[in-house]
Amino acid sequence: MKKIQDFRVKEYRWLNETGYLLTLYSDLKIEPVLPGNFAEIQVPGTPEVFLRRPISVFDADYENRSITFYIKVAGKGTKKLGELNQGTIVNIIYPLGNSFTVNGSKNVLVVGGGSGIAPFVLLADELKKKNIKTTFLFGARTKKEIVLTREFGRLGKVWVTTEDGSLGEQGLVTQHTVFKDILTFDKIYSCGSDPMMKAVAKIAGENRIDCEVSLENMMACGIGACLCCVTETTSGNKCVCTDGPVFNSKELAWQI
């Protein structure tokens, strides 16, 4: 059930120069959040930032009525959200979008890059509950951009690739040696830049492995009204904010 709700800033945890975890809490109970859902977050005290910011839910603590977001600074809005005082009221619309499919798999590969790691803690929690073996592969330009490996390490095996070779294997994500054993996986989940997801989906398609991707299109409203997030699929144009953000890679026109 979608809800507009006031939260307050509980705490920050900066992970590097441009990324942080923001935890918000509410006096009211919070709505159930599924892996892949996102929220539209209002940026308070910043008149020049008119639109809400769409951010994937990183984690949810129902007992303590709190929600955590992993945010990478990309502009004024995401920068301001990282500067709010503790206790500041932040209004959010949530949970929005659809979710990842978690069923029928035995061994999955989760591939993320940049802010694309955001939805994967909730996903991995669900996979663990269903005894599905999970392997994570995270890529970045340099080791400074690789974060939260300890958190993901409690949920599965973590591999890393960096373009400059400063951590893990050197190269692009799809050049990692884990892809040499790609047929050991029966499902792939991916979120990150379009070129990365396209490359991952291509490998999945060539090996007949089911693949779901979470798109990061610009989303102004989150409810399908503004149409700025429309993406082309094999069955016509669809709104990423309502029909997605999670799509089976076979549905997307860039797979043709």
C-alpha atoms as a PDB file:
ATOM      1  CA  MET A   1       0.000   0.000   0.000  1.00  0.00           C
ATOM      2  CA  LYS A   2       1.443   3.347  -1.074  1.00  0.00           C
ATOM      3  CA  LYS A   3       1.690   5.889   1.701  1.00  0.00           C
ATOM      4  CA  ILE A   4       2.790   9.495   2.162  1.00  0.00           C
ATOM      5  CA  GLN A   5       4.471   9.622   5.544  1.00  0.00           C
ATOM      6  CA  ASP A   6       6.646  11.925   7.598  1.00  0.00           C
ATOM      7  CA  PHE A   7       9.891  10.482   8.926  1.00  0.00           C
ATOM      8  CA  ARG A   8      12.700  12.056  10.907  1.00  0.00           C
ATOM      9  CA  VAL A   9      16.432  11.803  10.329  1.00  0.00           C
ATOM     10  CA  LYS A  10      17.833   9.236  12.747  1.00  0.00           C
ATOM     11  CA  GLU A  11      21.432   8.915  11.627  1.00  0.00           C
ATOM     12  CA  TYR A  12      23.937   9.013   8.790  1.00  0.00           C
ATOM     13  CA  ARG A  13      26.794   6.732   7.985  1.00  0.00           C
ATOM     14  CA  TRP A  14      29.143   8.132   5.369  1.00  0.00           C
ATOM     15  CA  LEU A  15      30.901   5.325   3.512  1.00  0.00           C
ATOM     16  CA  ASN A  16      33.203   7.408   1.322  1.00  0.00           C
ATOM     17  CA  GLU A  17      33.356  10.926  -0.086  1.00  0.00           C
ATOM     18  CA  THR A  18      30.183  10.573  -2.137  1.00  0.00           C
ATOM     19  CA  GLY A  19      28.065   7.804  -0.630  1.00  0.00           C
ATOM     20  CA  TYR A  20      26.204   7.394   2.635  1.00  0.00           C
ATOM     21  CA  LEU A  21      23.498   5.458   4.434  1.00  0.00           C
ATOM     22  CA  LEU A  22      20.592   7.598   5.613  1.00  0.00           C
ATOM     23  CA  THR A  23      18.287   6.127   8.249  1.00  0.00           C
ATOM     24  CA  LEU A  24      14.873   7.681   8.852  1.00  0.00           C
ATOM     25  CA  TYR A  25      12.437   6.764  11.626  1.00  0.00           C
ATOM     26  CA  SER A  26       8.722   7.299  12.105  1.00  0.00           C
ATOM     27  CA  ASP A  27       6.388   7.537  15.092  1.00  0.00           C
ATOM     28  CA  LEU A  28       3.955   5.398  13.106  1.00  0.00           C
ATOM     29  CA  LYS A  29       4.358   1.852  11.853  1.00  0.00           C
ATOM     30  CA  ILE A  30       6.034   1.572   8.484  1.00  0.00           C
ATOM     31  CA  GLU A  31       4.583  -0.115   5.438  1.00  0.00           C
ATOM     32  CA  PRO A  32       5.991  -3.472   4.261  1.00  0.00           C
ATOM     33  CA  VAL A  33       8.757  -2.995   1.687  1.00  0.00           C
ATOM     34  CA  LEU A  34       9.687  -5.590  -0.938  1.00  0.00           C
ATOM     35  CA  PRO A  35      13.140  -6.070  -2.520  1.00  0.00           C
ATOM     36  CA  GLY A  36      13.364  -3.601  -5.390  1.00  0.00           C
ATOM     37  CA  ASN A  37      10.815  -1.090  -4.053  1.00  0.00           C
ATOM     38  CA  PHE A  38      11.813   2.559  -3.912  1.00  0.00           C
ATOM     39  CA  ALA A  39      10.675   5.781  -2.267  1.00  0.00           C
ATOM     40  CA  GLU A  40      10.224   9.319  -3.531  1.00  0.00           C
ATOM     41  CA  ILE A  41      12.010  11.466  -0.946  1.00  0.00           C
ATOM     42  CA  GLN A  42      11.234  15.142  -0.481  1.00  0.00           C
ATOM     43  CA  VAL A  43      14.305  17.322   0.060  1.00  0.00           C
ATOM     44  CA  PRO A  44      13.367  19.670   2.928  1.00  0.00           C
ATOM     45  CA  GLY A  45      14.583  23.247   3.271  1.00  0.00           C
ATOM     46  CA  THR A  46      15.774  23.473  -0.320  1.00  0.00           C
ATOM     47  CA  PRO A  47      13.329  25.501  -2.470  1.00  0.00           C
ATOM     48  CA  GLU A  48      15.534  25.137  -5.548  1.00  0.00           C
ATOM     49  CA  VAL A  49      15.130  21.341  -5.353  1.00  0.00           C
ATOM     50  CA  PHE A  50      11.476  21.073  -6.303  1.00  0.00           C
ATOM     51  CA  LEU A  51      11.216  17.401  -7.270  1.00  0.00           C
ATOM     52  CA  ARG A  52      11.467  14.468  -4.911  1.00  0.00           C
ATOM     53  CA  ARG A  53      14.388  12.098  -5.313  1.00  0.00           C
ATOM     54  CA  PRO A  54      13.708   8.419  -6.170  1.00  0.00           C
ATOM     55  CA  ILE A  55      15.873   6.182  -3.980  1.00  0.00           C
ATOM     56  CA  SER A  56      15.788   2.391  -3.622  1.00  0.00           C
ATOM     57  CA  VAL A  57      15.110   1.094  -0.129  1.00  0.00           C
ATOM     58  CA  PHE A  58      18.298  -0.409   1.270  1.00  0.00           C
ATOM     59  CA  ASP A  59      16.843  -1.892   4.448  1.00  0.00           C
ATOM     60  CA  ALA A  60      13.775  -1.719   6.676  1.00  0.00           C
ATOM     61  CA  ASP A  61      13.521  -2.252  10.438  1.00  0.00           C
ATOM     62  CA  TYR A  62       9.857  -2.740  11.288  1.00  0.00           C
ATOM     63  CA  GLU A  63      10.402  -3.132  15.029  1.00  0.00           C
ATOM     64  CA  ASN A  64      12.135   0.240  15.262  1.00  0.00           C
ATOM     65  CA  ARG A  65       9.973   1.815  12.532  1.00  0.00           C
ATOM     66  CA  SER A  66      12.956   2.864  10.451  1.00  0.00           C
ATOM     67  CA  ILE A  67      13.988   2.762   6.795  1.00  0.00           C
ATOM     68  CA  THR A  68      17.532   3.038   5.469  1.00  0.00           C
ATOM     69  CA  PHE A  69      18.605   4.312   2.054  1.00  0.00           C
ATOM     70  CA  TYR A  70      21.974   4.061   0.330  1.00  0.00           C
ATOM     71  CA  ILE A  71      22.510   7.377  -1.421  1.00  0.00           C
ATOM     72  CA  LYS A  72      25.241   8.509  -3.795  1.00  0.00           C
ATOM     73  CA  VAL A  73      25.661  12.240  -4.212  1.00  0.00           C
ATOM     74  CA  ALA A  74      24.717  13.125  -7.782  1.00  0.00           C
ATOM     75  CA  GLY A  75      23.466  16.708  -7.431  1.00  0.00           C
ATOM     76  CA  LYS A  76      21.933  19.280  -5.097  1.00  0.00           C
ATOM     77  CA  GLY A  77      19.138  17.037  -3.859  1.00  0.00           C
ATOM     78  CA  THR A  78      21.208  14.030  -2.870  1.00  0.00           C
ATOM     79  CA  LYS A  79      23.866  16.335  -1.412  1.00  0.00           C
ATOM     80  CA  LYS A  80      21.300  18.160   0.746  1.00  0.00           C
ATOM     81  CA  LEU A  81      19.846  14.904   2.056  1.00  0.00           C
ATOM     82  CA  GLY A  82      23.311  14.150   3.403  1.00  0.00           C
ATOM     83  CA  GLU A  83      23.474  17.445   5.310  1.00  0.00           C
ATOM     84  CA  LEU A  84      20.198  17.414   7.248  1.00  0.00           C
ATOM     85  CA  ASN A  85      20.263  17.721  11.020  1.00  0.00           C
ATOM     86  CA  GLN A  86      19.215  14.816  13.192  1.00  0.00           C
ATOM     87  CA  GLY A  87      15.473  15.012  13.826  1.00  0.00           C
ATOM     88  CA  THR A  88      14.677  16.920  10.621  1.00  0.00           C
ATOM     89  CA  ILE A  89      11.330  15.905   9.144  1.00  0.00           C
ATOM     90  CA  VAL A  90      11.589  14.201   5.757  1.00  0.00           C
ATOM     91  CA  ASN A  91       8.417  13.329   3.864  1.00  0.00           C
ATOM     92  CA  ILE A  92       8.483  10.249   1.651  1.00  0.00           C
ATOM     93  CA  ILE A  93       6.091   8.398  -0.637  1.00  0.00           C
ATOM     94  CA  TYR A  94       6.616   4.639  -0.419  1.00  0.00           C
ATOM     95  CA  PRO A  95       6.707   1.771  -1.196  1.00  0.00           C
ATOM     96  CA  LEU A  96       6.755   2.388  -4.937  1.00  0.00           C
ATOM     97  CA  GLY A  97       7.391   0.183  -7.948  1.00  0.00           C
ATOM     98  CA  ASN A  98       7.439  -3.571  -8.307  1.00  0.00           C
ATOM     99  CA  SER A  99       9.929  -6.035  -6.838  1.00  0.00           C
ATOM    100  CA  PHE A 100      12.406  -8.749  -7.727  1.00  0.00           C
ATOM    101  CA  THR A 101      11.069 -12.267  -8.231  1.00  0.00           C
ATOM    102  CA  VAL A 102      12.355 -14.676  -5.610  1.00  0.00           C
ATOM    103  CA  ASN A 103      11.317 -18.242  -6.318  1.00  0.00           C
ATOM    104  CA  GLY A 104      12.455 -21.443  -7.941  1.00  0.00           C
ATOM    105  CA  SER A 105      16.195 -20.676  -7.929  1.00  0.00           C
ATOM    106  CA  LYS A 106      18.995 -22.542  -6.183  1.00  0.00           C
ATOM    107  CA  ASN A 107      22.107 -20.530  -6.987  1.00  0.00           C
ATOM    108  CA  VAL A 108      21.971 -16.862  -8.040  1.00  0.00           C
ATOM    109  CA  LEU A 109      24.412 -14.155  -9.073  1.00  0.00           C
ATOM    110  CA  VAL A 110      23.765 -10.556  -7.987  1.00  0.00           C
ATOM    111  CA  VAL A 111      25.654  -7.944 -10.027  1.00  0.00           C
ATOM    112  CA  GLY A 112      25.781  -4.313  -8.957  1.00  0.00           C
ATOM    113  CA  GLY A 113      27.650  -1.165  -9.837  1.00  0.00           C
ATOM    114  CA  GLY A 114      27.678   2.268  -8.187  1.00  0.00           C
ATOM    115  CA  SER A 115      24.354   3.092  -6.539  1.00  0.00           C
ATOM    116  CA  GLY A 116      23.053  -0.147  -8.060  1.00  0.00           C
ATOM    117  CA  ILE A 117      23.898  -2.025  -4.865  1.00  0.00           C
ATOM    118  CA  ALA A 118      21.049  -0.200  -3.096  1.00  0.00           C
ATOM    119  CA  PRO A 119      18.228  -2.777  -3.451  1.00  0.00           C
ATOM    120  CA  PHE A 120      20.304  -5.852  -2.799  1.00  0.00           C
ATOM    121  CA  VAL A 121      20.288  -6.205   1.005  1.00  0.00           C
ATOM    122  CA  LEU A 122      16.522  -6.683   1.049  1.00  0.00           C
ATOM    123  CA  LEU A 123      16.829  -9.050  -1.901  1.00  0.00           C
ATOM    124  CA  ALA A 124      19.590 -11.068  -0.274  1.00  0.00           C
ATOM    125  CA  ASP A 125      17.608 -11.337   2.961  1.00  0.00           C
ATOM    126  CA  GLU A 126      14.740 -12.895   1.017  1.00  0.00           C
ATOM    127  CA  LEU A 127      17.080 -15.235  -0.847  1.00  0.00           C
ATOM    128  CA  LYS A 128      18.618 -16.356   2.440  1.00  0.00           C
ATOM    129  CA  LYS A 129      15.202 -17.053   3.952  1.00  0.00           C
ATOM    130  CA  LYS A 130      14.513 -19.383   1.029  1.00  0.00           C
ATOM    131  CA  ASN A 131      17.936 -21.071   1.281  1.00  0.00           C
ATOM    132  CA  ILE A 132      19.006 -19.793  -2.122  1.00  0.00           C
ATOM    133  CA  LYS A 133      22.781 -19.586  -2.491  1.00  0.00           C
ATOM    134  CA  THR A 134      23.837 -16.041  -3.359  1.00  0.00           C
ATOM    135  CA  THR A 135      27.017 -14.705  -4.937  1.00  0.00           C
ATOM    136  CA  PHE A 136      27.593 -10.955  -5.189  1.00  0.00           C
ATOM    137  CA  LEU A 137      29.733  -9.248  -7.811  1.00  0.00           C
ATOM    138  CA  PHE A 138      30.278  -5.519  -7.375  1.00  0.00           C
ATOM    139  CA  GLY A 139      32.176  -3.275  -9.754  1.00  0.00           C
ATOM    140  CA  ALA A 140      33.546   0.262  -9.630  1.00  0.00           C
ATOM    141  CA  ARG A 141      36.283   2.432 -11.080  1.00  0.00           C
ATOM    142  CA  THR A 142      38.430   2.286  -7.929  1.00  0.00           C
ATOM    143  CA  LYS A 143      38.441   0.698  -4.471  1.00  0.00           C
ATOM    144  CA  LYS A 144      37.204   3.930  -2.864  1.00  0.00           C
ATOM    145  CA  GLU A 145      33.863   3.323  -4.558  1.00  0.00           C
ATOM    146  CA  ILE A 146      33.470  -0.235  -3.260  1.00  0.00           C
ATOM    147  CA  VAL A 147      31.399  -0.144  -0.072  1.00  0.00           C
ATOM    148  CA  LEU A 148      29.382  -2.343   2.291  1.00  0.00           C
ATOM    149  CA  THR A 149      31.193  -5.583   1.438  1.00  0.00           C
ATOM    150  CA  ARG A 150      31.028  -6.639   5.092  1.00  0.00           C
ATOM    151  CA  GLU A 151      27.249  -6.217   5.180  1.00  0.00           C
ATOM    152  CA  PHE A 152      26.819  -8.239   2.012  1.00  0.00           C
ATOM    153  CA  GLY A 153      29.401 -10.774   3.162  1.00  0.00           C
ATOM    154  CA  ARG A 154      27.047 -12.034   5.855  1.00  0.00           C
ATOM    155  CA  LEU A 155      24.530 -12.856   3.140  1.00  0.00           C
ATOM    156  CA  GLY A 156      26.732 -14.529   0.550  1.00  0.00           C
ATOM    157  CA  LYS A 157      30.096 -14.672  -1.195  1.00  0.00           C
ATOM    158  CA  VAL A 158      31.324 -11.262  -2.374  1.00  0.00           C
ATOM    159  CA  TRP A 159      33.537 -10.684  -5.418  1.00  0.00           C
ATOM    160  CA  VAL A 160      34.862  -7.311  -6.514  1.00  0.00           C
ATOM    161  CA  THR A 161      36.215  -5.812  -9.704  1.00  0.00           C
ATOM    162  CA  THR A 162      37.737  -2.360 -10.195  1.00  0.00           C
ATOM    163  CA  GLU A 163      38.730  -0.733 -13.446  1.00  0.00           C
ATOM    164  CA  ASP A 164      42.081   0.424 -12.041  1.00  0.00           C
ATOM    165  CA  GLY A 165      42.830  -2.879 -10.288  1.00  0.00           C
ATOM    166  CA  SER A 166      43.033  -1.267  -6.843  1.00  0.00           C
ATOM    167  CA  LEU A 167      40.728  -3.915  -5.342  1.00  0.00           C
ATOM    168  CA  GLY A 168      39.705  -7.346  -6.550  1.00  0.00           C
ATOM    169  CA  GLU A 169      40.165  -8.217 -10.201  1.00  0.00           C
ATOM    170  CA  GLN A 170      40.999  -5.506 -12.700  1.00  0.00           C
ATOM    171  CA  GLY A 171      38.563  -4.730 -15.478  1.00  0.00           C
ATOM    172  CA  LEU A 172      34.870  -4.340 -16.097  1.00  0.00           C
ATOM    173  CA  VAL A 173      32.319  -6.312 -14.111  1.00  0.00           C
ATOM    174  CA  THR A 174      31.576  -8.653 -17.006  1.00  0.00           C
ATOM    175  CA  GLN A 175      35.279  -9.473 -17.342  1.00  0.00           C
ATOM    176  CA  HIS A 176      35.396 -11.038 -13.864  1.00  0.00           C
ATOM    177  CA  THR A 177      36.318 -14.707 -13.745  1.00  0.00           C
ATOM    178  CA  VAL A 178      33.024 -15.562 -12.037  1.00  0.00           C
ATOM    179  CA  PHE A 179      31.499 -15.447 -15.522  1.00  0.00           C
ATOM    180  CA  LYS A 180      33.662 -18.399 -16.552  1.00  0.00           C
ATOM    181  CA  ASP A 181      31.384 -20.497 -14.351  1.00  0.00           C
ATOM    182  CA  ILE A 182      28.205 -18.686 -15.353  1.00  0.00           C
ATOM    183  CA  LEU A 183      26.311 -21.933 -15.988  1.00  0.00           C
ATOM    184  CA  THR A 184      26.465 -22.751 -12.280  1.00  0.00           C
ATOM    185  CA  PHE A 185      23.911 -19.976 -11.732  1.00  0.00           C
ATOM    186  CA  ASP A 186      20.234 -20.348 -12.549  1.00  0.00           C
ATOM    187  CA  LYS A 187      19.330 -16.670 -12.133  1.00  0.00           C
ATOM    188  CA  ILE A 188      21.013 -13.266 -12.343  1.00  0.00           C
ATOM    189  CA  TYR A 189      19.905 -10.000 -10.754  1.00  0.00           C
ATOM    190  CA  SER A 190      21.515  -6.718 -11.775  1.00  0.00           C
ATOM    191  CA  CYS A 191      21.299  -3.001 -11.042  1.00  0.00           C
ATOM    192  CA  GLY A 192      23.609  -0.198 -12.106  1.00  0.00           C
ATOM    193  CA  SER A 193      24.431   1.707 -15.257  1.00  0.00           C
ATOM    194  CA  ASP A 194      22.600   0.783 -18.464  1.00  0.00           C
ATOM    195  CA  PRO A 195      25.786  -0.351 -20.269  1.00  0.00           C
ATOM    196  CA  MET A 196      26.642  -2.675 -17.382  1.00  0.00           C
ATOM    197  CA  MET A 197      23.145  -4.154 -17.191  1.00  0.00           C
ATOM    198  CA  LYS A 198      22.998  -4.592 -20.960  1.00  0.00           C
ATOM    199  CA  ALA A 199      26.302  -6.471 -20.892  1.00  0.00           C
ATOM    200  CA  VAL A 200      25.151  -8.684 -18.012  1.00  0.00           C
ATOM    201  CA  ALA A 201      21.806  -9.343 -19.713  1.00  0.00           C
ATOM    202  CA  LYS A 202      23.577 -10.261 -22.960  1.00  0.00           C
ATOM    203  CA  ILE A 203      25.633 -12.895 -21.147  1.00  0.00           C
ATOM    204  CA  ALA A 204      22.507 -14.188 -19.419  1.00  0.00           C
ATOM    205  CA  GLY A 205      20.635 -14.413 -22.715  1.00  0.00           C
ATOM    206  CA  GLU A 206      23.470 -16.216 -24.485  1.00  0.00           C
ATOM    207  CA  ASN A 207      23.513 -18.798 -21.686  1.00  0.00           C
ATOM    208  CA  ARG A 208      19.727 -19.026 -21.321  1.00  0.00           C
ATOM    209  CA  ILE A 209      19.794 -17.821 -17.728  1.00  0.00           C
ATOM    210  CA  ASP A 210      16.837 -15.869 -16.369  1.00  0.00           C
ATOM    211  CA  CYS A 211      17.865 -12.279 -15.624  1.00  0.00           C
ATOM    212  CA  GLU A 212      16.101  -9.433 -13.842  1.00  0.00           C
ATOM    213  CA  VAL A 213      17.390  -5.861 -13.931  1.00  0.00           C
ATOM    214  CA  SER A 214      16.376  -2.798 -11.933  1.00  0.00           C
ATOM    215  CA  LEU A 215      16.406   0.328 -14.081  1.00  0.00           C
ATOM    216  CA  GLU A 216      17.590   3.686 -12.752  1.00  0.00           C
ATOM    217  CA  ASN A 217      15.688   6.025 -15.103  1.00  0.00           C
ATOM    218  CA  MET A 218      14.890   9.543 -13.951  1.00  0.00           C
ATOM    219  CA  MET A 219      11.618   9.357 -12.010  1.00  0.00           C
ATOM    220  CA  ALA A 220       9.996  12.644 -11.019  1.00  0.00           C
ATOM    221  CA  CYS A 221       6.611  11.563  -9.655  1.00  0.00           C
ATOM    222  CA  GLY A 222       6.897   7.846  -8.927  1.00  0.00           C
ATOM    223  CA  ILE A 223       3.248   7.167  -9.832  1.00  0.00           C
ATOM    224  CA  GLY A 224       3.268   7.154 -13.633  1.00  0.00           C
ATOM    225  CA  ALA A 225       1.850  10.636 -14.133  1.00  0.00           C
ATOM    226  CA  CYS A 226       4.794  12.628 -15.501  1.00  0.00           C
ATOM    227  CA  LEU A 227       5.970   9.985 -18.036  1.00  0.00           C
ATOM    228  CA  CYS A 228       9.601  11.093 -17.797  1.00  0.00           C
ATOM    229  CA  CYS A 229      10.765   7.574 -16.911  1.00  0.00           C
ATOM    230  CA  VAL A 230       9.223   5.753 -19.886  1.00  0.00           C
ATOM    231  CA  THR A 231      11.318   2.944 -21.325  1.00  0.00           C
ATOM    232  CA  GLU A 232      10.791   0.919 -24.485  1.00  0.00           C
ATOM    233  CA  THR A 233       9.907  -2.743 -24.039  1.00  0.00           C
ATOM    234  CA  THR A 234       8.996  -5.582 -26.365  1.00  0.00           C
ATOM    235  CA  SER A 235       5.324  -4.916 -25.575  1.00  0.00           C
ATOM    236  CA  GLY A 236       5.423  -1.132 -25.946  1.00  0.00           C
ATOM    237  CA  ASN A 237       6.451   1.808 -23.808  1.00  0.00           C
ATOM    238  CA  LYS A 238       6.175   1.360 -20.048  1.00  0.00           C
ATOM    239  CA  CYS A 239       6.735   3.571 -17.009  1.00  0.00           C
ATOM    240  CA  VAL A 240       9.729   2.445 -14.991  1.00  0.00           C
ATOM    241  CA  CYS A 241       8.217   3.830 -11.782  1.00  0.00           C
ATOM    242  CA  THR A 242       5.016   1.764 -11.966  1.00  0.00           C
ATOM    243  CA  ASP A 243       5.671  -1.139 -14.365  1.00  0.00           C
ATOM    244  CA  GLY A 244       9.207  -1.418 -12.966  1.00  0.00           C
ATOM    245  CA  PRO A 245      11.781  -0.585 -11.872  1.00  0.00           C
ATOM    246  CA  VAL A 246      12.407  -4.341 -12.085  1.00  0.00           C
ATOM    247  CA  PHE A 247      12.079  -5.939 -15.512  1.00  0.00           C
ATOM    248  CA  ASN A 248      13.009  -9.303 -16.909  1.00  0.00           C
ATOM    249  CA  SER A 249      15.823  -8.451 -19.305  1.00  0.00           C
ATOM    250  CA  LYS A 250      13.983 -10.236 -22.133  1.00  0.00           C
ATOM    251  CA  GLU A 251      11.220  -7.619 -21.906  1.00  0.00           C
ATOM    252  CA  LEU A 252      13.485  -4.677 -22.647  1.00  0.00           C
ATOM    253  CA  ALA A 253      13.879  -3.381 -26.177  1.00  0.00           C
ATOM    254  CA  TRP A 254      17.623  -3.020 -25.747  1.00  0.00           C
ATOM    255  CA  GLN A 255      17.804  -6.788 -25.615  1.00  0.00           C
ATOM    256  CA  ILE A 256      16.561  -7.166 -29.208  1.00  0.00           C
END
